[in-house]
Amino acid sequence: MAKFLITAGVIILCVGLLMHFAPGLLKWFGHLPGDIRIENDNTRIYIPFTSMILVSLVLTIIANLWR
């Protein structure tokens, strides 16, 4: 369990550093076809279907390679 938590922390740190020093690099994430955005005057609704499917696939591949 400790090994998993350390690895997850390092991954989160790397993504955070990437977003801080190169904010335009992940600009496409959240704007994929299939992500739903509804914006009115007082309301914003954002449902990132395609982005979360992509995250799920990447995490599944990483988990299978880990084992």
N, C-alpha and C. Protein backbone atom coordinates (compact mmCIF):
# COMPACT_ATOMS: atom_id res chain seq x y z
N MET A 1 0.82 -1.18 0.00
CA MET A 1 0.00 0.00 0.00
C MET A 1 0.87 1.26 0.00
N ALA A 2 1.95 1.23 0.74
CA ALA A 2 2.84 2.39 0.80
C ALA A 2 3.45 2.68 -0.57
N LYS A 3 3.81 1.63 -1.27
CA LYS A 3 4.40 1.79 -2.61
C LYS A 3 3.41 2.48 -3.56
N PHE A 4 2.15 2.09 -3.47
CA PHE A 4 1.10 2.69 -4.31
C PHE A 4 0.92 4.17 -3.97
N LEU A 5 0.86 4.48 -2.67
CA LEU A 5 0.66 5.88 -2.26
C LEU A 5 1.84 6.76 -2.67
N ILE A 6 3.04 6.24 -2.57
CA ILE A 6 4.22 7.02 -2.99
C ILE A 6 4.18 7.25 -4.49
N THR A 7 3.84 6.23 -5.26
CA THR A 7 3.75 6.37 -6.72
C THR A 7 2.65 7.35 -7.11
N ALA A 8 1.50 7.25 -6.46
CA ALA A 8 0.40 8.18 -6.76
C ALA A 8 0.81 9.61 -6.42
N GLY A 9 1.51 9.80 -5.32
CA GLY A 9 1.98 11.14 -4.95
C GLY A 9 2.97 11.71 -5.94
N VAL A 10 3.88 10.87 -6.43
CA VAL A 10 4.85 11.33 -7.43
C VAL A 10 4.14 11.71 -8.73
N ILE A 11 3.16 10.93 -9.13
CA ILE A 11 2.41 11.23 -10.36
C ILE A 11 1.65 12.54 -10.20
N ILE A 12 0.99 12.73 -9.07
CA ILE A 12 0.26 13.98 -8.82
C ILE A 12 1.22 15.17 -8.80
N LEU A 13 2.38 15.00 -8.19
CA LEU A 13 3.39 16.06 -8.17
C LEU A 13 3.84 16.42 -9.58
N CYS A 14 4.11 15.41 -10.41
CA CYS A 14 4.55 15.65 -11.79
C CYS A 14 3.48 16.37 -12.60
N VAL A 15 2.23 15.97 -12.45
CA VAL A 15 1.14 16.64 -13.17
C VAL A 15 1.00 18.08 -12.68
N GLY A 16 1.13 18.30 -11.37
CA GLY A 16 1.07 19.65 -10.83
C GLY A 16 2.18 20.54 -11.35
N LEU A 17 3.39 20.01 -11.39
CA LEU A 17 4.51 20.79 -11.94
C LEU A 17 4.32 21.07 -13.42
N LEU A 18 3.81 20.10 -14.14
CA LEU A 18 3.54 20.28 -15.57
C LEU A 18 2.51 21.38 -15.79
N MET A 19 1.45 21.37 -14.98
CA MET A 19 0.41 22.39 -15.12
C MET A 19 0.91 23.78 -14.71
N HIS A 20 1.86 23.82 -13.78
CA HIS A 20 2.39 25.11 -13.32
C HIS A 20 3.36 25.72 -14.33
N PHE A 21 4.27 24.91 -14.85
CA PHE A 21 5.33 25.44 -15.72
C PHE A 21 4.97 25.42 -17.20
N ALA A 22 4.00 24.61 -17.60
CA ALA A 22 3.57 24.56 -19.00
C ALA A 22 2.04 24.47 -19.06
N PRO A 23 1.34 25.55 -18.71
CA PRO A 23 -0.12 25.48 -18.62
C PRO A 23 -0.82 25.22 -19.95
N GLY A 24 -0.20 25.59 -21.04
CA GLY A 24 -0.82 25.38 -22.35
C GLY A 24 -0.71 23.96 -22.86
N LEU A 25 0.13 23.17 -22.22
CA LEU A 25 0.36 21.81 -22.69
C LEU A 25 -0.86 20.91 -22.51
N LEU A 26 -1.61 21.11 -21.46
CA LEU A 26 -2.81 20.31 -21.21
C LEU A 26 -4.09 21.09 -21.48
N LYS A 27 -4.00 22.10 -22.31
CA LYS A 27 -5.16 22.93 -22.61
C LYS A 27 -6.25 22.16 -23.34
N TRP A 28 -5.89 21.13 -24.09
CA TRP A 28 -6.85 20.34 -24.84
C TRP A 28 -7.71 19.48 -23.92
N PHE A 29 -7.18 19.16 -22.72
CA PHE A 29 -7.91 18.29 -21.81
C PHE A 29 -9.14 19.02 -21.26
N GLY A 30 -10.29 18.40 -21.41
CA GLY A 30 -11.54 19.02 -20.99
C GLY A 30 -12.28 19.69 -22.13
N HIS A 31 -11.67 19.73 -23.29
CA HIS A 31 -12.31 20.33 -24.47
C HIS A 31 -12.41 19.32 -25.60
N LEU A 32 -12.48 18.04 -25.26
CA LEU A 32 -12.57 16.99 -26.27
C LEU A 32 -14.00 16.85 -26.77
N PRO A 33 -14.18 16.31 -27.97
CA PRO A 33 -15.54 16.04 -28.44
C PRO A 33 -16.20 15.03 -27.50
N GLY A 34 -17.38 15.31 -27.05
CA GLY A 34 -18.07 14.44 -26.11
C GLY A 34 -18.12 15.03 -24.71
N ASP A 35 -17.30 16.03 -24.43
CA ASP A 35 -17.39 16.75 -23.16
C ASP A 35 -18.53 17.75 -23.28
N ILE A 36 -19.42 17.72 -22.32
CA ILE A 36 -20.64 18.55 -22.40
C ILE A 36 -20.44 19.82 -21.60
N ARG A 37 -20.69 20.96 -22.24
CA ARG A 37 -20.63 22.26 -21.59
C ARG A 37 -21.95 22.98 -21.84
N ILE A 38 -22.59 23.39 -20.78
CA ILE A 38 -23.82 24.18 -20.88
C ILE A 38 -23.59 25.44 -20.07
N GLU A 39 -23.65 26.58 -20.74
CA GLU A 39 -23.42 27.85 -20.06
C GLU A 39 -24.59 28.78 -20.33
N ASN A 40 -25.21 29.24 -19.26
CA ASN A 40 -26.26 30.25 -19.33
C ASN A 40 -25.75 31.50 -18.62
N ASP A 41 -26.65 32.45 -18.39
CA ASP A 41 -26.25 33.68 -17.71
C ASP A 41 -25.76 33.41 -16.29
N ASN A 42 -26.48 32.58 -15.54
CA ASN A 42 -26.14 32.36 -14.14
C ASN A 42 -25.65 30.95 -13.84
N THR A 43 -25.62 30.08 -14.83
CA THR A 43 -25.32 28.68 -14.57
C THR A 43 -24.26 28.16 -15.54
N ARG A 44 -23.35 27.37 -15.02
CA ARG A 44 -22.38 26.66 -15.84
C ARG A 44 -22.41 25.19 -15.44
N ILE A 45 -22.61 24.33 -16.42
CA ILE A 45 -22.61 22.90 -16.18
C ILE A 45 -21.56 22.29 -17.11
N TYR A 46 -20.69 21.49 -16.52
CA TYR A 46 -19.61 20.89 -17.28
C TYR A 46 -19.56 19.40 -16.94
N ILE A 47 -19.72 18.54 -17.94
CA ILE A 47 -19.68 17.10 -17.74
C ILE A 47 -18.62 16.53 -18.70
N PRO A 48 -17.44 16.18 -18.18
CA PRO A 48 -16.33 15.75 -19.04
C PRO A 48 -16.34 14.25 -19.34
N PHE A 49 -17.30 13.77 -20.12
CA PHE A 49 -17.40 12.34 -20.42
C PHE A 49 -16.16 11.79 -21.10
N THR A 50 -15.79 12.38 -22.21
CA THR A 50 -14.68 11.86 -23.01
C THR A 50 -13.36 11.98 -22.26
N SER A 51 -13.15 13.07 -21.57
CA SER A 51 -11.91 13.26 -20.82
C SER A 51 -11.77 12.20 -19.72
N MET A 52 -12.85 11.87 -19.03
CA MET A 52 -12.79 10.89 -17.96
C MET A 52 -12.62 9.47 -18.51
N ILE A 53 -13.17 9.20 -19.68
CA ILE A 53 -12.93 7.90 -20.33
C ILE A 53 -11.46 7.77 -20.68
N LEU A 54 -10.86 8.84 -21.18
CA LEU A 54 -9.44 8.84 -21.51
C LEU A 54 -8.59 8.62 -20.25
N VAL A 55 -8.92 9.29 -19.16
CA VAL A 55 -8.20 9.11 -17.90
C VAL A 55 -8.35 7.67 -17.42
N SER A 56 -9.54 7.13 -17.51
CA SER A 56 -9.79 5.75 -17.09
C SER A 56 -8.96 4.76 -17.90
N LEU A 57 -8.89 4.96 -19.20
CA LEU A 57 -8.09 4.07 -20.04
C LEU A 57 -6.61 4.14 -19.70
N VAL A 58 -6.10 5.33 -19.50
CA VAL A 58 -4.68 5.49 -19.16
C VAL A 58 -4.38 4.84 -17.82
N LEU A 59 -5.24 5.07 -16.83
CA LEU A 59 -5.02 4.48 -15.51
C LEU A 59 -5.14 2.96 -15.54
N THR A 60 -6.04 2.42 -16.37
CA THR A 60 -6.17 0.97 -16.51
C THR A 60 -4.91 0.38 -17.13
N ILE A 61 -4.38 1.03 -18.14
CA ILE A 61 -3.15 0.55 -18.77
C ILE A 61 -1.99 0.58 -17.78
N ILE A 62 -1.88 1.66 -17.02
CA ILE A 62 -0.81 1.77 -16.03
C ILE A 62 -0.97 0.70 -14.95
N ALA A 63 -2.19 0.47 -14.49
CA ALA A 63 -2.42 -0.54 -13.46
C ALA A 63 -2.10 -1.94 -13.97
N ASN A 64 -2.42 -2.22 -15.22
CA ASN A 64 -2.11 -3.56 -15.79
C ASN A 64 -0.61 -3.73 -16.01
N LEU A 65 0.09 -2.68 -16.38
CA LEU A 65 1.53 -2.77 -16.53
C LEU A 65 2.22 -2.90 -15.17
N TRP A 66 1.63 -2.30 -14.15
CA TRP A 66 2.18 -2.35 -12.81
C TRP A 66 2.18 -3.76 -12.26
N ARG A 67 1.11 -4.52 -12.58
CA ARG A 67 1.00 -5.89 -12.09
C ARG A 67 1.78 -6.80 -12.98
